[in-house]
């Protein structure tokens, strides 16, 4: 696993966030929406289960609400 971003980085929908490497294939996971990576749950060079959550992204609409208060 190779992270293109780190916790605290802003991402845009469709932007590559992490590259997953297996014995058979390498593929990239894109951000599902605009936001900020709030937490990386699986560090680089560690293994993750097939259905594991590897990071958390807070959407920009949530961030905008937090900034207006």
PDB file of N, CA and C in Angstrom:
ATOM      1  N   UNK A   1       0.849  -1.158   0.000  1.00  0.00           N
ATOM      2  CA  UNK A   1       0.000   0.000   0.000  1.00  0.00           C
ATOM      3  C   UNK A   1       0.903   1.231   0.000  1.00  0.00           C
ATOM      4  N   UNK A   2       0.590   2.162  -0.912  1.00  0.00           N
ATOM      5  CA  UNK A   2       1.362   3.397  -0.999  1.00  0.00           C
ATOM      6  C   UNK A   2       0.383   4.568  -0.989  1.00  0.00           C
ATOM      7  N   UNK A   3       0.503   5.441  -0.010  1.00  0.00           N
ATOM      8  CA  UNK A   3      -0.390   6.588   0.130  1.00  0.00           C
ATOM      9  C   UNK A   3       0.111   7.762  -0.693  1.00  0.00           C
ATOM     10  N   UNK A   4      -0.769   8.329  -1.505  1.00  0.00           N
ATOM     11  CA  UNK A   4      -0.460   9.548  -2.259  1.00  0.00           C
ATOM     12  C   UNK A   4      -0.774  10.786  -1.424  1.00  0.00           C
ATOM     13  N   UNK A   5      -1.573  10.603  -0.383  1.00  0.00           N
ATOM     14  CA  UNK A   5      -2.005  11.691   0.493  1.00  0.00           C
ATOM     15  C   UNK A   5      -1.731  11.315   1.940  1.00  0.00           C
ATOM     16  N   UNK A   6      -1.827  12.308   2.826  1.00  0.00           N
ATOM     17  CA  UNK A   6      -1.656  12.038   4.260  1.00  0.00           C
ATOM     18  C   UNK A   6      -2.837  12.640   5.015  1.00  0.00           C
ATOM     19  N   UNK A   7      -2.983  12.267   6.276  1.00  0.00           N
ATOM     20  CA  UNK A   7      -4.059  12.811   7.098  1.00  0.00           C
ATOM     21  C   UNK A   7      -3.948  14.334   7.120  1.00  0.00           C
ATOM     22  N   UNK A   8      -5.084  14.999   6.943  1.00  0.00           N
ATOM     23  CA  UNK A   8      -5.119  16.451   6.911  1.00  0.00           C
ATOM     24  C   UNK A   8      -5.130  17.026   5.506  1.00  0.00           C
ATOM     25  N   UNK A   9      -4.790  16.211   4.506  1.00  0.00           N
ATOM     26  CA  UNK A   9      -4.784  16.686   3.120  1.00  0.00           C
ATOM     27  C   UNK A   9      -6.204  16.792   2.570  1.00  0.00           C
ATOM     28  N   UNK A  10      -6.446  17.831   1.774  1.00  0.00           N
ATOM     29  CA  UNK A  10      -7.711  17.953   1.042  1.00  0.00           C
ATOM     30  C   UNK A  10      -7.638  17.072  -0.197  1.00  0.00           C
ATOM     31  N   UNK A  11      -8.777  16.483  -0.557  1.00  0.00           N
ATOM     32  CA  UNK A  11      -8.870  15.659  -1.760  1.00  0.00           C
ATOM     33  C   UNK A  11     -10.112  16.065  -2.541  1.00  0.00           C
ATOM     34  N   UNK A  12     -10.082  15.785  -3.821  1.00  0.00           N
ATOM     35  CA  UNK A  12     -11.232  16.023  -4.688  1.00  0.00           C
ATOM     36  C   UNK A  12     -11.773  14.674  -5.153  1.00  0.00           C
ATOM     37  N   UNK A  13     -13.069  14.619  -5.402  1.00  0.00           N
ATOM     38  CA  UNK A  13     -13.691  13.394  -5.903  1.00  0.00           C
ATOM     39  C   UNK A  13     -12.942  12.911  -7.142  1.00  0.00           C
ATOM     40  N   UNK A  14     -12.608  11.635  -7.164  1.00  0.00           N
ATOM     41  CA  UNK A  14     -11.900  11.054  -8.297  1.00  0.00           C
ATOM     42  C   UNK A  14     -10.390  11.141  -8.215  1.00  0.00           C
ATOM     43  N   UNK A  15      -9.870  11.873  -7.251  1.00  0.00           N
ATOM     44  CA  UNK A  15      -8.414  12.018  -7.088  1.00  0.00           C
ATOM     45  C   UNK A  15      -7.842  10.755  -6.457  1.00  0.00           C
ATOM     46  N   UNK A  16      -6.717  10.280  -6.965  1.00  0.00           N
ATOM     47  CA  UNK A  16      -6.067   9.092  -6.419  1.00  0.00           C
ATOM     48  C   UNK A  16      -5.566   9.363  -5.007  1.00  0.00           C
ATOM     49  N   UNK A  17      -5.939   8.471  -4.089  1.00  0.00           N
ATOM     50  CA  UNK A  17      -5.570   8.638  -2.687  1.00  0.00           C
ATOM     51  C   UNK A  17      -4.534   7.608  -2.258  1.00  0.00           C
ATOM     52  N   UNK A  18      -4.713   6.362  -2.684  1.00  0.00           N
ATOM     53  CA  UNK A  18      -3.822   5.290  -2.255  1.00  0.00           C
ATOM     54  C   UNK A  18      -3.693   4.260  -3.364  1.00  0.00           C
ATOM     55  N   UNK A  19      -2.514   3.660  -3.467  1.00  0.00           N
ATOM     56  CA  UNK A  19      -2.284   2.577  -4.412  1.00  0.00           C
ATOM     57  C   UNK A  19      -2.199   1.275  -3.623  1.00  0.00           C
ATOM     58  N   UNK A  20      -2.984   0.311  -4.047  1.00  0.00           N
ATOM     59  CA  UNK A  20      -3.012  -1.007  -3.406  1.00  0.00           C
ATOM     60  C   UNK A  20      -2.240  -1.971  -4.300  1.00  0.00           C
ATOM     61  N   UNK A  21      -1.337  -2.730  -3.723  1.00  0.00           N
ATOM     62  CA  UNK A  21      -0.519  -3.662  -4.487  1.00  0.00           C
ATOM     63  C   UNK A  21      -0.764  -5.088  -3.998  1.00  0.00           C
ATOM     64  N   UNK A  22      -1.031  -5.984  -4.947  1.00  0.00           N
ATOM     65  CA  UNK A  22      -1.186  -7.401  -4.628  1.00  0.00           C
ATOM     66  C   UNK A  22      -0.200  -8.183  -5.480  1.00  0.00           C
ATOM     67  N   UNK A  23      -0.195  -9.487  -5.308  1.00  0.00           N
ATOM     68  CA  UNK A  23       0.692 -10.322  -6.121  1.00  0.00           C
ATOM     69  C   UNK A  23       0.306 -10.278  -7.595  1.00  0.00           C
ATOM     70  N   UNK A  24      -0.978 -10.059  -7.872  1.00  0.00           N
ATOM     71  CA  UNK A  24      -1.462 -10.120  -9.243  1.00  0.00           C
ATOM     72  C   UNK A  24      -1.697  -8.771  -9.907  1.00  0.00           C
ATOM     73  N   UNK A  25      -2.001  -7.743  -9.115  1.00  0.00           N
ATOM     74  CA  UNK A  25      -2.375  -6.468  -9.720  1.00  0.00           C
ATOM     75  C   UNK A  25      -2.094  -5.313  -8.763  1.00  0.00           C
ATOM     76  N   UNK A  26      -1.846  -4.154  -9.333  1.00  0.00           N
ATOM     77  CA  UNK A  26      -1.761  -2.895  -8.576  1.00  0.00           C
ATOM     78  C   UNK A  26      -2.923  -2.031  -9.040  1.00  0.00           C
ATOM     79  N   UNK A  27      -3.602  -1.370  -8.114  1.00  0.00           N
ATOM     80  CA  UNK A  27      -4.684  -0.478  -8.511  1.00  0.00           C
ATOM     81  C   UNK A  27      -4.769   0.681  -7.532  1.00  0.00           C
ATOM     82  N   UNK A  28      -5.372   1.754  -7.994  1.00  0.00           N
ATOM     83  CA  UNK A  28      -5.486   2.957  -7.175  1.00  0.00           C
ATOM     84  C   UNK A  28      -6.926   3.131  -6.711  1.00  0.00           C
ATOM     85  N   UNK A  29      -7.071   3.628  -5.494  1.00  0.00           N
ATOM     86  CA  UNK A  29      -8.385   3.947  -4.954  1.00  0.00           C
ATOM     87  C   UNK A  29      -8.515   5.462  -4.981  1.00  0.00           C
ATOM     88  N   UNK A  30      -9.657   5.910  -5.517  1.00  0.00           N
ATOM     89  CA  UNK A  30      -9.909   7.346  -5.641  1.00  0.00           C
ATOM     90  C   UNK A  30     -10.806   7.833  -4.506  1.00  0.00           C
ATOM     91  N   UNK A  31     -10.711   9.102  -4.200  1.00  0.00           N
ATOM     92  CA  UNK A  31     -11.602   9.714  -3.217  1.00  0.00           C
ATOM     93  C   UNK A  31     -13.023   9.676  -3.769  1.00  0.00           C
ATOM     94  N   UNK A  32     -13.989   9.234  -2.965  1.00  0.00           N
ATOM     95  CA  UNK A  32     -15.367   9.159  -3.447  1.00  0.00           C
ATOM     96  C   UNK A  32     -16.049  10.532  -3.518  1.00  0.00           C
ATOM     97  N   UNK A  33     -15.491  11.506  -2.806  1.00  0.00           N
ATOM     98  CA  UNK A  33     -16.070  12.853  -2.787  1.00  0.00           C
ATOM     99  C   UNK A  33     -14.998  13.853  -2.370  1.00  0.00           C
ATOM    100  N   UNK A  34     -15.298  15.123  -2.536  1.00  0.00           N
ATOM    101  CA  UNK A  34     -14.397  16.172  -2.053  1.00  0.00           C
ATOM    102  C   UNK A  34     -14.375  16.137  -0.528  1.00  0.00           C
ATOM    103  N   UNK A  35     -13.228  16.413   0.070  1.00  0.00           N
ATOM    104  CA  UNK A  35     -13.152  16.445   1.520  1.00  0.00           C
ATOM    105  C   UNK A  35     -11.728  16.501   2.014  1.00  0.00           C
ATOM    106  N   UNK A  36     -11.563  16.116   3.273  1.00  0.00           N
ATOM    107  CA  UNK A  36     -10.253  16.087   3.924  1.00  0.00           C
ATOM    108  C   UNK A  36     -10.054  14.705   4.521  1.00  0.00           C
ATOM    109  N   UNK A  37      -8.879  14.147   4.311  1.00  0.00           N
ATOM    110  CA  UNK A  37      -8.567  12.854   4.937  1.00  0.00           C
ATOM    111  C   UNK A  37      -8.370  13.110   6.425  1.00  0.00           C
ATOM    112  N   UNK A  38      -9.250  12.565   7.230  1.00  0.00           N
ATOM    113  CA  UNK A  38      -9.175  12.800   8.673  1.00  0.00           C
ATOM    114  C   UNK A  38      -8.365  11.735   9.392  1.00  0.00           C
ATOM    115  N   UNK A  39      -8.284  10.542   8.780  1.00  0.00           N
ATOM    116  CA  UNK A  39      -7.576   9.450   9.460  1.00  0.00           C
ATOM    117  C   UNK A  39      -7.164   8.392   8.454  1.00  0.00           C
ATOM    118  N   UNK A  40      -5.922   7.942   8.549  1.00  0.00           N
ATOM    119  CA  UNK A  40      -5.450   6.801   7.775  1.00  0.00           C
ATOM    120  C   UNK A  40      -5.400   5.619   8.734  1.00  0.00           C
ATOM    121  N   UNK A  41      -6.179   4.598   8.423  1.00  0.00           N
ATOM    122  CA  UNK A  41      -6.325   3.456   9.329  1.00  0.00           C
ATOM    123  C   UNK A  41      -5.324   2.335   9.067  1.00  0.00           C
ATOM    124  N   UNK A  42      -4.806   2.265   7.839  1.00  0.00           N
ATOM    125  CA  UNK A  42      -3.819   1.235   7.492  1.00  0.00           C
ATOM    126  C   UNK A  42      -2.590   1.949   6.941  1.00  0.00           C
ATOM    127  N   UNK A  43      -1.511   1.972   7.701  1.00  0.00           N
ATOM    128  CA  UNK A  43      -0.293   2.667   7.250  1.00  0.00           C
ATOM    129  C   UNK A  43       0.317   2.023   6.005  1.00  0.00           C
ATOM    130  N   UNK A  44       1.154   2.776   5.329  1.00  0.00           N
ATOM    131  CA  UNK A  44       1.879   2.265   4.161  1.00  0.00           C
ATOM    132  C   UNK A  44       2.659   1.017   4.549  1.00  0.00           C
ATOM    133  N   UNK A  45       2.792   0.126   3.601  1.00  0.00           N
ATOM    134  CA  UNK A  45       3.567  -1.109   3.761  1.00  0.00           C
ATOM    135  C   UNK A  45       2.957  -2.100   4.747  1.00  0.00           C
ATOM    136  N   UNK A  46       1.686  -1.901   5.128  1.00  0.00           N
ATOM    137  CA  UNK A  46       0.992  -2.884   5.958  1.00  0.00           C
ATOM    138  C   UNK A  46      -0.094  -3.544   5.126  1.00  0.00           C
ATOM    139  N   UNK A  47      -0.496  -4.738   5.556  1.00  0.00           N
ATOM    140  CA  UNK A  47      -1.533  -5.481   4.859  1.00  0.00           C
ATOM    141  C   UNK A  47      -2.897  -5.112   5.410  1.00  0.00           C
ATOM    142  N   UNK A  48      -3.897  -5.137   4.537  1.00  0.00           N
ATOM    143  CA  UNK A  48      -5.277  -4.870   4.939  1.00  0.00           C
ATOM    144  C   UNK A  48      -6.164  -5.999   4.430  1.00  0.00           C
ATOM    145  N   UNK A  49      -7.195  -6.308   5.180  1.00  0.00           N
ATOM    146  CA  UNK A  49      -8.162  -7.314   4.743  1.00  0.00           C
ATOM    147  C   UNK A  49      -8.868  -6.816   3.489  1.00  0.00           C
ATOM    148  N   UNK A  50      -9.423  -7.735   2.735  1.00  0.00           N
ATOM    149  CA  UNK A  50     -10.069  -7.413   1.464  1.00  0.00           C
ATOM    150  C   UNK A  50     -11.154  -6.344   1.592  1.00  0.00           C
ATOM    151  N   UNK A  51     -11.920  -6.373   2.653  1.00  0.00           N
ATOM    152  CA  UNK A  51     -13.024  -5.422   2.812  1.00  0.00           C
ATOM    153  C   UNK A  51     -12.742  -4.359   3.880  1.00  0.00           C
ATOM    154  N   UNK A  52     -11.488  -4.136   4.187  1.00  0.00           N
ATOM    155  CA  UNK A  52     -11.110  -3.200   5.256  1.00  0.00           C
ATOM    156  C   UNK A  52     -11.317  -1.744   4.857  1.00  0.00           C
ATOM    157  N   UNK A  53     -11.694  -0.935   5.819  1.00  0.00           N
ATOM    158  CA  UNK A  53     -11.709   0.520   5.649  1.00  0.00           C
ATOM    159  C   UNK A  53     -10.269   0.975   5.875  1.00  0.00           C
ATOM    160  N   UNK A  54      -9.681   1.680   4.909  1.00  0.00           N
ATOM    161  CA  UNK A  54      -8.272   2.056   5.026  1.00  0.00           C
ATOM    162  C   UNK A  54      -8.066   3.510   5.431  1.00  0.00           C
ATOM    163  N   UNK A  55      -9.111   4.342   5.247  1.00  0.00           N
ATOM    164  CA  UNK A  55      -9.013   5.762   5.615  1.00  0.00           C
ATOM    165  C   UNK A  55     -10.415   6.337   5.797  1.00  0.00           C
ATOM    166  N   UNK A  56     -10.468   7.501   6.431  1.00  0.00           N
ATOM    167  CA  UNK A  56     -11.730   8.217   6.598  1.00  0.00           C
ATOM    168  C   UNK A  56     -11.576   9.601   5.967  1.00  0.00           C
ATOM    169  N   UNK A  57     -12.624  10.004   5.237  1.00  0.00           N
ATOM    170  CA  UNK A  57     -12.632  11.314   4.592  1.00  0.00           C
ATOM    171  C   UNK A  57     -13.865  12.054   5.074  1.00  0.00           C
ATOM    172  N   UNK A  58     -13.651  13.261   5.576  1.00  0.00           N
ATOM    173  CA  UNK A  58     -14.767  14.123   5.969  1.00  0.00           C
ATOM    174  C   UNK A  58     -15.116  14.992   4.775  1.00  0.00           C
ATOM    175  N   UNK A  59     -16.386  14.954   4.366  1.00  0.00           N
ATOM    176  CA  UNK A  59     -16.822  15.729   3.202  1.00  0.00           C
ATOM    177  C   UNK A  59     -16.720  17.215   3.432  1.00  0.00           C
ATOM    178  N   UNK A  60     -16.578  17.971   2.343  1.00  0.00           N
ATOM    179  CA  UNK A  60     -16.428  19.414   2.453  1.00  0.00           C
ATOM    180  C   UNK A  60     -17.683  20.080   2.967  1.00  0.00           C
ATOM    181  N   UNK A  61     -18.869  19.499   2.721  1.00  0.00           N
ATOM    182  CA  UNK A  61     -20.082  20.124   3.253  1.00  0.00           C
ATOM    183  C   UNK A  61     -20.066  20.107   4.775  1.00  0.00           C
ATOM    184  N   UNK A  62     -19.536  19.037   5.373  1.00  0.00           N
ATOM    185  CA  UNK A  62     -19.400  18.970   6.838  1.00  0.00           C
ATOM    186  C   UNK A  62     -18.387  19.993   7.328  1.00  0.00           C
ATOM    187  N   UNK A  63     -17.299  20.164   6.571  1.00  0.00           N
ATOM    188  CA  UNK A  63     -16.268  21.127   6.957  1.00  0.00           C
ATOM    189  C   UNK A  63     -16.807  22.544   6.879  1.00  0.00           C
ATOM    190  N   UNK A  64     -17.579  22.842   5.819  1.00  0.00           N
ATOM    191  CA  UNK A  64     -18.132  24.176   5.663  1.00  0.00           C
ATOM    192  C   UNK A  64     -19.074  24.521   6.806  1.00  0.00           C
ATOM    193  N   UNK A  65     -19.883  23.560   7.235  1.00  0.00           N
ATOM    194  CA  UNK A  65     -20.794  23.791   8.365  1.00  0.00           C
ATOM    195  C   UNK A  65     -20.002  24.081   9.629  1.00  0.00           C
ATOM    196  N   UNK A  66     -18.909  23.359   9.851  1.00  0.00           N
ATOM    197  CA  UNK A  66     -18.088  23.557  11.034  1.00  0.00           C
ATOM    198  C   UNK A  66     -17.416  24.906  11.055  1.00  0.00           C
ATOM    199  N   UNK A  67     -17.058  25.428   9.889  1.00  0.00           N
ATOM    200  CA  UNK A  67     -16.372  26.716   9.816  1.00  0.00           C
ATOM    201  C   UNK A  67     -17.311  27.895  10.003  1.00  0.00           C
ATOM    202  N   UNK A  68     -18.618  27.681   9.766  1.00  0.00           N
ATOM    203  CA  UNK A  68     -19.549  28.798   9.849  1.00  0.00           C
ATOM    204  C   UNK A  68     -20.058  29.028  11.271  1.00  0.00           C
ATOM    205  N   UNK A  69     -19.730  28.158  12.185  1.00  0.00           N
ATOM    206  CA  UNK A  69     -20.223  28.293  13.571  1.00  0.00           C
ATOM    207  C   UNK A  69     -19.238  29.010  14.438  1.00  0.00           C
TER     208      UNK A  69
END
